[in-house]
């Protein structure tokens, strides 16, 4: 950050004047001129602090790299209570000196609705729980969001983008992504040119490393978190969400760039039928070492079986398959495939044993690689690995508990195939007959 002048120090007050961003992504976040900045971080990593500092600098007209005049800034969080207790009381009330505020309109739950600054800029508060309608209206210069939107993320994100487009406005969003959200994970995985992502690690905020939080406090926090959430709560990663079925799935390990499948590899297709829910066909190959590759997917809802047959045939081309497995519950659809020349076999549908089988294939072996890979083009399969989950509840789970029946269409098709091929065979006991 640039060194402030004496007048700026007097203008800003203590908190902004003394702020020194941590080296690395926290500093890079402030310097970025991307239209949309995503700031992911663990709890107490400084992500919300940095995001609200950035807002205050912009609102007060002293941001080193961004500037607005007589502009409107929205600041948003999940509920009005979070806006009041965290965004306002913990941050902006301290970061925006009282002497720079001309007037405050108070809203629900004694949370500020509008904060008018003497320099002509206006900060307005929004809660995601208000719904999409509250994010419609005029053009906005900048929007700052803190933590995940759990109320109609897609609708509200669309409205936020619409509000910014006419004024070439910017969006800055800080969060610890505890809840799995397909839209969010997909956007970050295929980051558009308009976006930039930054990551803050809780451990980088230790006082022993130049940060602001006592090491003992950080150690205590980490010890209190379940193992399955630590990757997210410490590093802000899209990783092991609470309740995830496949906790060992990692994009950087299991998702790979595509390559031509050798002709001598065994290949299969696996189908999960659906209409309101999507119809899925996966193409899977196995190399000579027993490793599996999901190399193609077809995923489509609200379409007739005849169209699915046409697309599956087109995508299959002249490839030869050992078998095509299909969910036996839709006999009529299986018959239509049969009539079209695609004979299907009934797979073994056992859920929990099938899940365990896939988990063994996801496990990294001694050579540093798993036995199951997903081509990067298979976006729905990749997303479902992150979304497929058990019902939230206690930590103790019965072996009979099945995952929730959603976000599982690619997962079902993959399970049909792998468990049918790899399920343990019953051992035949030899019987000795005397005499």
Protein backbone atom coordinates (compact mmCIF):
# COMPACT_ATOMS: atom_id res chain seq x y z
CA UNK A 1 0.00 0.00 0.00
CA UNK A 2 1.15 3.57 -0.58
CA UNK A 3 2.34 5.71 2.34
CA UNK A 4 -0.39 8.09 3.51
CA UNK A 5 0.12 11.80 3.93
CA UNK A 6 -0.53 13.61 7.23
CA UNK A 7 -3.84 15.10 6.00
CA UNK A 8 -4.94 11.64 4.90
CA UNK A 9 -4.09 10.19 8.30
CA UNK A 10 -6.19 12.84 10.02
CA UNK A 11 -9.00 12.27 7.54
CA UNK A 12 -9.04 8.50 7.86
CA UNK A 13 -8.75 7.95 11.57
CA UNK A 14 -6.80 5.31 13.46
CA UNK A 15 -7.98 2.04 11.88
CA UNK A 16 -7.39 2.89 8.24
CA UNK A 17 -4.21 4.82 8.97
CA UNK A 18 -2.61 1.90 10.79
CA UNK A 19 -3.80 -0.79 8.37
CA UNK A 20 -1.01 -2.81 6.78
CA UNK A 21 -2.21 -5.61 4.52
CA UNK A 22 -0.44 -8.92 4.84
CA UNK A 23 1.94 -9.69 1.97
CA UNK A 24 0.70 -11.96 -0.76
CA UNK A 25 -2.96 -12.24 -1.69
CA UNK A 26 -4.26 -9.66 0.80
CA UNK A 27 -2.09 -6.97 -0.76
CA UNK A 28 -2.82 -8.27 -4.27
CA UNK A 29 -6.57 -8.08 -3.54
CA UNK A 30 -6.40 -4.34 -2.87
CA UNK A 31 -4.27 -3.73 -5.97
CA UNK A 32 -6.50 -5.73 -8.30
CA UNK A 33 -8.59 -3.85 -10.85
CA UNK A 34 -10.66 -6.90 -11.83
CA UNK A 35 -14.39 -6.31 -12.26
CA UNK A 36 -15.12 -9.10 -9.76
CA UNK A 37 -12.75 -9.95 -6.90
CA UNK A 38 -13.32 -13.14 -4.89
CA UNK A 39 -11.57 -13.16 -1.51
CA UNK A 40 -11.68 -16.65 0.02
CA UNK A 41 -10.19 -17.30 3.41
CA UNK A 42 -10.41 -19.23 6.61
CA UNK A 43 -12.05 -17.95 9.76
CA UNK A 44 -10.04 -15.09 11.31
CA UNK A 45 -7.81 -15.02 8.23
CA UNK A 46 -8.52 -11.31 7.67
CA UNK A 47 -10.75 -11.72 4.60
CA UNK A 48 -13.75 -9.72 5.90
CA UNK A 49 -11.47 -7.15 7.50
CA UNK A 50 -9.63 -6.58 4.21
CA UNK A 51 -12.86 -6.42 2.19
CA UNK A 52 -14.44 -3.83 4.50
CA UNK A 53 -11.21 -1.81 4.65
CA UNK A 54 -11.28 -1.75 0.85
CA UNK A 55 -14.89 -0.50 0.93
CA UNK A 56 -14.04 2.23 3.45
CA UNK A 57 -11.10 3.45 1.38
CA UNK A 58 -13.27 3.62 -1.73
CA UNK A 59 -16.12 5.37 0.09
CA UNK A 60 -13.79 7.93 1.67
CA UNK A 61 -12.08 8.64 -1.65
CA UNK A 62 -8.59 7.48 -0.62
CA UNK A 63 -8.36 4.10 -2.31
CA UNK A 64 -4.93 4.01 -4.03
CA UNK A 65 -6.22 2.26 -7.17
CA UNK A 66 -9.99 2.83 -7.35
CA UNK A 67 -12.03 6.03 -7.29
CA UNK A 68 -15.68 7.12 -7.45
CA UNK A 69 -17.37 10.50 -6.97
CA UNK A 70 -20.92 10.96 -5.67
CA UNK A 71 -21.21 7.23 -6.04
CA UNK A 72 -23.39 4.53 -4.50
CA UNK A 73 -21.87 1.51 -2.79
CA UNK A 74 -23.89 -1.49 -1.64
CA UNK A 75 -22.65 -3.67 1.21
CA UNK A 76 -24.36 -7.03 1.67
CA UNK A 77 -24.46 -10.04 3.96
CA UNK A 78 -26.83 -12.94 4.62
CA UNK A 79 -29.12 -11.31 7.24
CA UNK A 80 -29.83 -7.89 8.68
CA UNK A 81 -28.40 -9.08 11.98
CA UNK A 82 -25.10 -9.93 10.26
CA UNK A 83 -25.13 -6.55 8.54
CA UNK A 84 -25.64 -4.84 11.89
CA UNK A 85 -23.39 -6.89 14.19
CA UNK A 86 -20.54 -7.73 11.84
CA UNK A 87 -20.39 -5.41 8.84
CA UNK A 88 -21.42 -2.28 10.73
CA UNK A 89 -20.40 -2.72 14.37
CA UNK A 90 -17.26 -4.79 13.85
CA UNK A 91 -15.98 -3.04 10.77
CA UNK A 92 -17.49 0.00 9.03
CA UNK A 93 -18.44 1.87 12.20
CA UNK A 94 -14.74 1.80 13.07
CA UNK A 95 -13.34 2.26 9.57
CA UNK A 96 -15.47 5.27 8.55
CA UNK A 97 -14.81 8.10 11.04
CA UNK A 98 -17.94 9.67 12.49
CA UNK A 99 -16.77 13.12 11.44
CA UNK A 100 -16.93 12.02 7.78
CA UNK A 101 -20.60 10.95 8.04
CA UNK A 102 -23.27 13.51 7.15
CA UNK A 103 -26.33 11.41 8.08
CA UNK A 104 -27.49 7.83 8.74
CA UNK A 105 -30.88 6.39 7.87
CA UNK A 106 -31.61 3.50 10.23
CA UNK A 107 -33.44 0.41 9.01
CA UNK A 108 -34.57 -2.98 10.25
CA UNK A 109 -33.15 -4.26 13.58
CA UNK A 110 -31.37 -0.93 14.11
CA UNK A 111 -29.05 -1.64 11.23
CA UNK A 112 -28.03 1.28 9.02
CA UNK A 113 -30.02 1.45 5.82
CA UNK A 114 -28.06 4.32 4.25
CA UNK A 115 -24.87 6.05 5.37
CA UNK A 116 -24.42 9.43 3.69
CA UNK A 117 -20.83 10.68 3.62
CA UNK A 118 -19.84 14.32 3.52
CA UNK A 119 -17.86 13.76 0.31
CA UNK A 120 -21.08 12.85 -1.55
CA UNK A 121 -20.71 9.07 -1.58
CA UNK A 122 -23.46 6.84 -0.20
CA UNK A 123 -23.18 3.41 1.42
CA UNK A 124 -26.38 1.32 1.38
CA UNK A 125 -26.95 -1.97 3.22
CA UNK A 126 -28.64 -5.08 1.78
CA UNK A 127 -29.41 -8.52 3.25
CA UNK A 128 -29.47 -11.59 1.01
CA UNK A 129 -32.44 -12.89 2.99
CA UNK A 130 -34.53 -10.06 1.49
CA UNK A 131 -34.52 -11.98 -1.77
CA UNK A 132 -33.85 -11.07 -5.37
CA UNK A 133 -36.38 -8.25 -5.53
CA UNK A 134 -34.40 -6.11 -3.08
CA UNK A 135 -31.39 -6.22 -5.39
CA UNK A 136 -33.24 -4.75 -8.35
CA UNK A 137 -33.24 -1.05 -9.18
CA UNK A 138 -30.71 1.54 -10.24
CA UNK A 139 -27.10 1.21 -11.34
CA UNK A 140 -24.48 0.93 -8.60
CA UNK A 141 -20.81 1.93 -8.58
CA UNK A 142 -19.54 -0.86 -6.35
CA UNK A 143 -20.92 -3.78 -4.35
CA UNK A 144 -19.18 -5.46 -1.42
CA UNK A 145 -20.49 -8.80 -0.12
CA UNK A 146 -19.39 -10.73 2.96
CA UNK A 147 -19.96 -14.47 3.48
CA UNK A 148 -22.07 -16.81 1.38
CA UNK A 149 -25.47 -15.98 -0.04
CA UNK A 150 -27.78 -18.82 0.98
CA UNK A 151 -30.99 -17.25 -0.40
CA UNK A 152 -31.28 -17.62 -4.20
CA UNK A 153 -27.59 -17.19 -5.01
CA UNK A 154 -28.17 -17.41 -8.76
CA UNK A 155 -30.97 -14.82 -8.81
CA UNK A 156 -29.21 -12.36 -6.52
CA UNK A 157 -25.88 -12.75 -8.34
CA UNK A 158 -27.62 -12.01 -11.64
CA UNK A 159 -29.17 -8.86 -10.16
CA UNK A 160 -25.83 -7.74 -8.71
CA UNK A 161 -24.20 -8.05 -12.11
CA UNK A 162 -27.06 -6.12 -13.72
CA UNK A 163 -26.69 -3.29 -11.21
CA UNK A 164 -22.97 -2.90 -11.99
CA UNK A 165 -22.85 -3.19 -15.77
CA UNK A 166 -23.95 0.34 -16.80
CA UNK A 167 -21.44 2.14 -14.58
CA UNK A 168 -18.67 -0.42 -15.10
CA UNK A 169 -18.96 -1.05 -11.39
CA UNK A 170 -17.01 -3.61 -9.38
CA UNK A 171 -17.92 -6.46 -7.06
CA UNK A 172 -15.78 -7.63 -4.12
CA UNK A 173 -16.92 -10.75 -2.27
CA UNK A 174 -15.25 -12.25 0.81
CA UNK A 175 -16.26 -15.59 2.32
CA UNK A 176 -15.36 -18.87 3.94
CA UNK A 177 -17.19 -21.31 1.61
CA UNK A 178 -18.56 -23.76 4.17
CA UNK A 179 -21.76 -24.54 2.24
CA UNK A 180 -21.43 -26.33 -1.10
CA UNK A 181 -22.87 -24.21 -3.93
CA UNK A 182 -22.67 -25.46 -7.51
CA UNK A 183 -22.90 -22.01 -9.13
CA UNK A 184 -20.10 -20.61 -7.00
CA UNK A 185 -17.77 -23.58 -7.36
CA UNK A 186 -18.27 -23.76 -11.12
CA UNK A 187 -17.51 -20.06 -11.57
CA UNK A 188 -14.31 -20.29 -9.55
CA UNK A 189 -13.22 -23.48 -11.31
CA UNK A 190 -13.65 -21.82 -14.74
CA UNK A 191 -12.75 -18.27 -13.70
CA UNK A 192 -13.92 -15.75 -16.33
CA UNK A 193 -11.56 -13.05 -17.59
CA UNK A 194 -13.58 -10.50 -15.59
CA UNK A 195 -12.83 -12.25 -12.28
CA UNK A 196 -9.82 -12.66 -10.04
CA UNK A 197 -9.52 -14.97 -7.05
CA UNK A 198 -7.52 -14.42 -3.85
CA UNK A 199 -6.90 -16.84 -0.97
CA UNK A 200 -6.09 -16.01 2.67
CA UNK A 201 -4.81 -18.74 5.00
CA UNK A 202 -5.62 -18.45 8.71
CA UNK A 203 -2.08 -19.57 9.56
CA UNK A 204 -0.66 -16.57 7.68
CA UNK A 205 -2.45 -14.35 10.21
CA UNK A 206 -0.43 -15.72 13.15
CA UNK A 207 1.52 -13.09 15.07
CA UNK A 208 4.58 -15.33 14.79
CA UNK A 209 4.36 -14.90 11.01
CA UNK A 210 3.68 -11.16 11.02
CA UNK A 211 -0.10 -11.40 11.31
CA UNK A 212 -2.56 -10.08 13.88
CA UNK A 213 -3.90 -13.11 15.82
CA UNK A 214 -2.15 -14.86 18.72
CA UNK A 215 -0.83 -18.29 17.80
CA UNK A 216 -2.48 -19.88 20.85
CA UNK A 217 -5.85 -18.52 19.79
CA UNK A 218 -5.45 -19.94 16.28
CA UNK A 219 -4.37 -23.33 17.64
CA UNK A 220 -7.42 -23.36 19.89
CA UNK A 221 -9.77 -22.54 17.03
CA UNK A 222 -8.34 -25.28 14.82
CA UNK A 223 -8.59 -27.86 17.60
CA UNK A 224 -12.31 -27.12 17.98
CA UNK A 225 -13.16 -27.63 14.30
CA UNK A 226 -14.13 -31.05 12.90
CA UNK A 227 -11.50 -32.54 10.58
CA UNK A 228 -13.93 -32.40 7.65
CA UNK A 229 -14.21 -28.59 7.85
CA UNK A 230 -10.61 -27.68 8.64
CA UNK A 231 -9.49 -27.41 5.02
CA UNK A 232 -12.20 -24.80 4.45
CA UNK A 233 -12.04 -23.00 7.79
CA UNK A 234 -8.24 -22.67 7.68
CA UNK A 235 -7.56 -22.06 4.00
CA UNK A 236 -10.94 -21.08 2.56
CA UNK A 237 -10.75 -23.96 0.07
CA UNK A 238 -13.66 -25.62 -1.68
CA UNK A 239 -12.78 -28.90 -0.06
CA UNK A 240 -14.28 -31.22 2.53
CA UNK A 241 -17.72 -29.79 3.24
CA UNK A 242 -19.76 -31.06 6.16
CA UNK A 243 -21.73 -34.11 5.09
CA UNK A 244 -19.93 -34.68 1.78
CA UNK A 245 -20.00 -38.28 0.62
CA UNK A 246 -16.67 -38.16 -1.21
CA UNK A 247 -14.48 -36.17 1.16
CA UNK A 248 -11.26 -37.28 -0.54
CA UNK A 249 -12.27 -35.88 -3.94
CA UNK A 250 -9.97 -33.02 -4.99
CA UNK A 251 -10.18 -31.17 -8.27
CA UNK A 252 -6.40 -30.76 -8.40
CA UNK A 253 -5.93 -34.51 -7.99
CA UNK A 254 -8.84 -36.19 -9.77
CA UNK A 255 -9.76 -33.74 -12.55
CA UNK A 256 -7.32 -33.84 -15.46
CA UNK A 257 -7.01 -32.41 -18.94
CA UNK A 258 -8.39 -34.66 -21.66
CA UNK A 259 -6.33 -36.78 -24.01
CA UNK A 260 -7.21 -39.23 -26.81
CA UNK A 261 -8.35 -42.53 -25.30
CA UNK A 262 -6.22 -45.37 -26.75
CA UNK A 263 -8.19 -47.78 -28.89
CA UNK A 264 -7.07 -50.82 -26.92
CA UNK A 265 -8.48 -49.53 -23.60
CA UNK A 266 -11.74 -51.07 -22.41
CA UNK A 267 -14.69 -48.68 -22.62
CA UNK A 268 -18.19 -48.62 -21.14
CA UNK A 269 -21.26 -46.43 -21.07
CA UNK A 270 -23.54 -45.98 -18.07
CA UNK A 271 -26.99 -44.39 -18.06
CA UNK A 272 -29.16 -42.85 -15.37
CA UNK A 273 -32.60 -42.08 -16.82
CA UNK A 274 -34.53 -38.92 -16.05
CA UNK A 275 -36.89 -36.31 -17.45
CA UNK A 276 -37.61 -33.69 -14.78
CA UNK A 277 -34.30 -34.79 -13.32
CA UNK A 278 -31.54 -34.90 -15.90
CA UNK A 279 -30.79 -37.89 -18.09
CA UNK A 280 -27.09 -38.80 -17.77
CA UNK A 281 -24.81 -40.91 -19.93
CA UNK A 282 -21.19 -41.32 -18.84
CA UNK A 283 -18.42 -42.76 -20.99
CA UNK A 284 -15.72 -44.49 -18.92
CA UNK A 285 -12.44 -46.11 -20.00
CA UNK A 286 -9.99 -48.34 -18.12
CA UNK A 287 -6.27 -48.50 -18.81
CA UNK A 288 -4.01 -51.53 -18.52
CA UNK A 289 -3.23 -50.75 -14.85
CA UNK A 290 -6.89 -50.77 -13.80
CA UNK A 291 -7.30 -46.99 -13.60
CA UNK A 292 -10.67 -45.55 -14.66
CA UNK A 293 -11.23 -42.36 -16.67
CA UNK A 294 -14.59 -40.59 -17.03
CA UNK A 295 -13.82 -39.09 -20.42
CA UNK A 296 -17.21 -37.87 -21.69
CA UNK A 297 -20.62 -36.98 -20.28
CA UNK A 298 -24.07 -36.14 -21.61
CA UNK A 299 -26.38 -34.39 -19.12
CA UNK A 300 -29.81 -33.15 -20.18
CA UNK A 301 -33.21 -32.60 -18.52
CA UNK A 302 -36.67 -32.07 -20.02
CA UNK A 303 -35.97 -34.05 -23.19
CA UNK A 304 -37.55 -37.13 -24.79
CA UNK A 305 -35.76 -40.49 -24.92
CA UNK A 306 -35.50 -40.41 -28.70
CA UNK A 307 -33.36 -37.27 -28.55
CA UNK A 308 -31.13 -38.83 -25.91
CA UNK A 309 -30.60 -41.83 -28.16
CA UNK A 310 -29.64 -39.59 -31.07
CA UNK A 311 -27.09 -37.65 -29.00
CA UNK A 312 -25.60 -40.75 -27.36
CA UNK A 313 -25.11 -42.34 -30.77
CA UNK A 314 -23.55 -39.17 -32.18
CA UNK A 315 -21.15 -38.77 -29.26
CA UNK A 316 -20.23 -42.45 -29.29
CA UNK A 317 -19.26 -42.41 -32.95
CA UNK A 318 -17.49 -45.60 -33.95
CA UNK A 319 -16.25 -46.47 -30.48
CA UNK A 320 -16.74 -50.02 -29.29
CA UNK A 321 -17.92 -50.75 -25.76
CA UNK A 322 -17.75 -53.82 -23.62
CA UNK A 323 -21.16 -52.99 -22.12
CA UNK A 324 -23.71 -50.23 -21.62
CA UNK A 325 -25.30 -50.24 -18.16
CA UNK A 326 -28.67 -48.60 -17.52
CA UNK A 327 -30.93 -48.08 -14.53
CA UNK A 328 -33.46 -50.97 -14.70
CA UNK A 329 -36.31 -48.95 -13.18
CA UNK A 330 -37.24 -47.37 -16.52
CA UNK A 331 -38.02 -50.45 -18.60
CA UNK A 332 -39.70 -48.47 -21.37
CA UNK A 333 -36.66 -46.24 -21.91
CA UNK A 334 -34.34 -49.26 -21.89
CA UNK A 335 -36.55 -50.88 -24.53
CA UNK A 336 -36.34 -47.77 -26.72
CA UNK A 337 -32.55 -47.89 -26.51
CA UNK A 338 -32.65 -51.60 -27.36
CA UNK A 339 -34.87 -50.94 -30.39
CA UNK A 340 -32.38 -48.30 -31.54
CA UNK A 341 -29.52 -50.79 -31.41
CA UNK A 342 -28.10 -49.90 -27.97
CA UNK A 343 -28.40 -52.97 -25.80
CA UNK A 344 -28.16 -52.27 -22.09
CA UNK A 345 -27.36 -54.42 -19.10
CA UNK A 346 -28.86 -54.14 -15.64
CA UNK A 347 -26.22 -52.95 -13.15
CA UNK A 348 -25.86 -53.71 -9.46
CA UNK A 349 -27.48 -50.67 -7.78
CA UNK A 350 -26.36 -51.13 -4.16
CA UNK A 351 -25.79 -47.61 -2.86
CA UNK A 352 -23.48 -47.79 0.14
CA UNK A 353 -21.25 -50.61 -1.15
CA UNK A 354 -21.07 -48.71 -4.45
CA UNK A 355 -20.09 -45.51 -2.65
CA UNK A 356 -17.37 -47.41 -0.80
CA UNK A 357 -16.11 -48.79 -4.10
CA UNK A 358 -15.80 -45.32 -5.61
CA UNK A 359 -14.03 -44.13 -2.46
CA UNK A 360 -11.39 -46.82 -2.92
CA UNK A 361 -10.83 -45.60 -6.48
CA UNK A 362 -10.48 -41.98 -5.29
CA UNK A 363 -7.83 -42.95 -2.74
CA UNK A 364 -4.32 -41.85 -3.69
CA UNK A 365 -2.00 -44.85 -4.04
CA UNK A 366 1.66 -45.22 -3.20
CA UNK A 367 2.65 -43.79 -6.60
CA UNK A 368 0.89 -40.53 -5.74
CA UNK A 369 -2.09 -41.06 -8.05
CA UNK A 370 -5.69 -42.28 -7.56
CA UNK A 371 -7.40 -44.97 -9.64
CA UNK A 372 -10.21 -42.70 -10.86
CA UNK A 373 -9.85 -39.59 -13.00
CA UNK A 374 -12.39 -37.16 -14.47
CA UNK A 375 -11.73 -35.26 -17.69
CA UNK A 376 -12.11 -31.51 -17.16
CA UNK A 377 -14.87 -31.36 -19.81
CA UNK A 378 -17.11 -33.48 -17.57
CA UNK A 379 -18.29 -30.50 -15.56
CA UNK A 380 -21.48 -31.99 -14.10
CA UNK A 381 -19.65 -35.08 -12.85
CA UNK A 382 -17.04 -32.87 -11.22
CA UNK A 383 -19.68 -30.66 -9.61
CA UNK A 384 -21.65 -33.57 -8.21
CA UNK A 385 -18.54 -34.98 -6.53
CA UNK A 386 -18.50 -31.76 -4.50
CA UNK A 387 -22.26 -31.57 -3.92
CA UNK A 388 -23.25 -35.20 -3.22
CA UNK A 389 -23.87 -35.37 0.52
CA UNK A 390 -25.53 -36.93 3.52
CA UNK A 391 -28.23 -35.17 5.54
CA UNK A 392 -26.75 -32.81 8.10
CA UNK A 393 -26.91 -34.03 11.66
CA UNK A 394 -24.74 -35.60 14.28
CA UNK A 395 -21.26 -36.88 13.58
CA UNK A 396 -22.26 -40.50 14.17
CA UNK A 397 -23.63 -42.04 11.00
CA UNK A 398 -25.07 -45.50 10.55
CA UNK A 399 -23.62 -47.63 7.76
CA UNK A 400 -27.22 -48.00 6.52
CA UNK A 401 -27.68 -44.25 5.98
CA UNK A 402 -27.94 -43.36 2.30
CA UNK A 403 -26.83 -40.03 0.82
CA UNK A 404 -29.51 -37.48 0.00
CA UNK A 405 -31.36 -38.16 -3.25
CA UNK A 406 -30.17 -35.05 -5.05
CA UNK A 407 -27.09 -33.87 -6.94
CA UNK A 408 -26.53 -37.55 -7.68
CA UNK A 409 -27.36 -38.25 -11.32
CA UNK A 410 -23.76 -38.55 -12.53
CA UNK A 411 -22.86 -40.17 -9.21
CA UNK A 412 -25.51 -42.85 -9.75
CA UNK A 413 -24.38 -43.57 -13.31
CA UNK A 414 -20.76 -43.86 -12.20
CA UNK A 415 -21.68 -46.06 -9.25
CA UNK A 416 -23.71 -48.42 -11.45
CA UNK A 417 -20.70 -49.00 -13.65
CA UNK A 418 -17.84 -49.19 -11.16
CA UNK A 419 -19.60 -51.34 -8.58
CA UNK A 420 -20.92 -53.75 -11.20
CA UNK A 421 -17.42 -54.19 -12.58
CA UNK A 422 -15.51 -54.17 -9.31
CA UNK A 423 -17.87 -55.57 -6.68
CA UNK A 424 -16.33 -58.31 -4.55
CA UNK A 425 -17.24 -61.75 -5.79
CA UNK A 426 -18.63 -64.24 -3.29
CA UNK A 427 -16.00 -66.69 -2.14
CA UNK A 428 -16.81 -70.36 -2.78
CA UNK A 429 -16.05 -72.52 0.20
CA UNK A 430 -14.66 -75.96 -0.51
CA UNK A 431 -16.62 -78.74 1.22
CA UNK A 432 -14.76 -81.95 2.04
CA UNK A 433 -16.93 -85.04 1.93
CA UNK A 434 -15.53 -87.90 3.92
CA UNK A 435 -15.94 -91.54 3.01
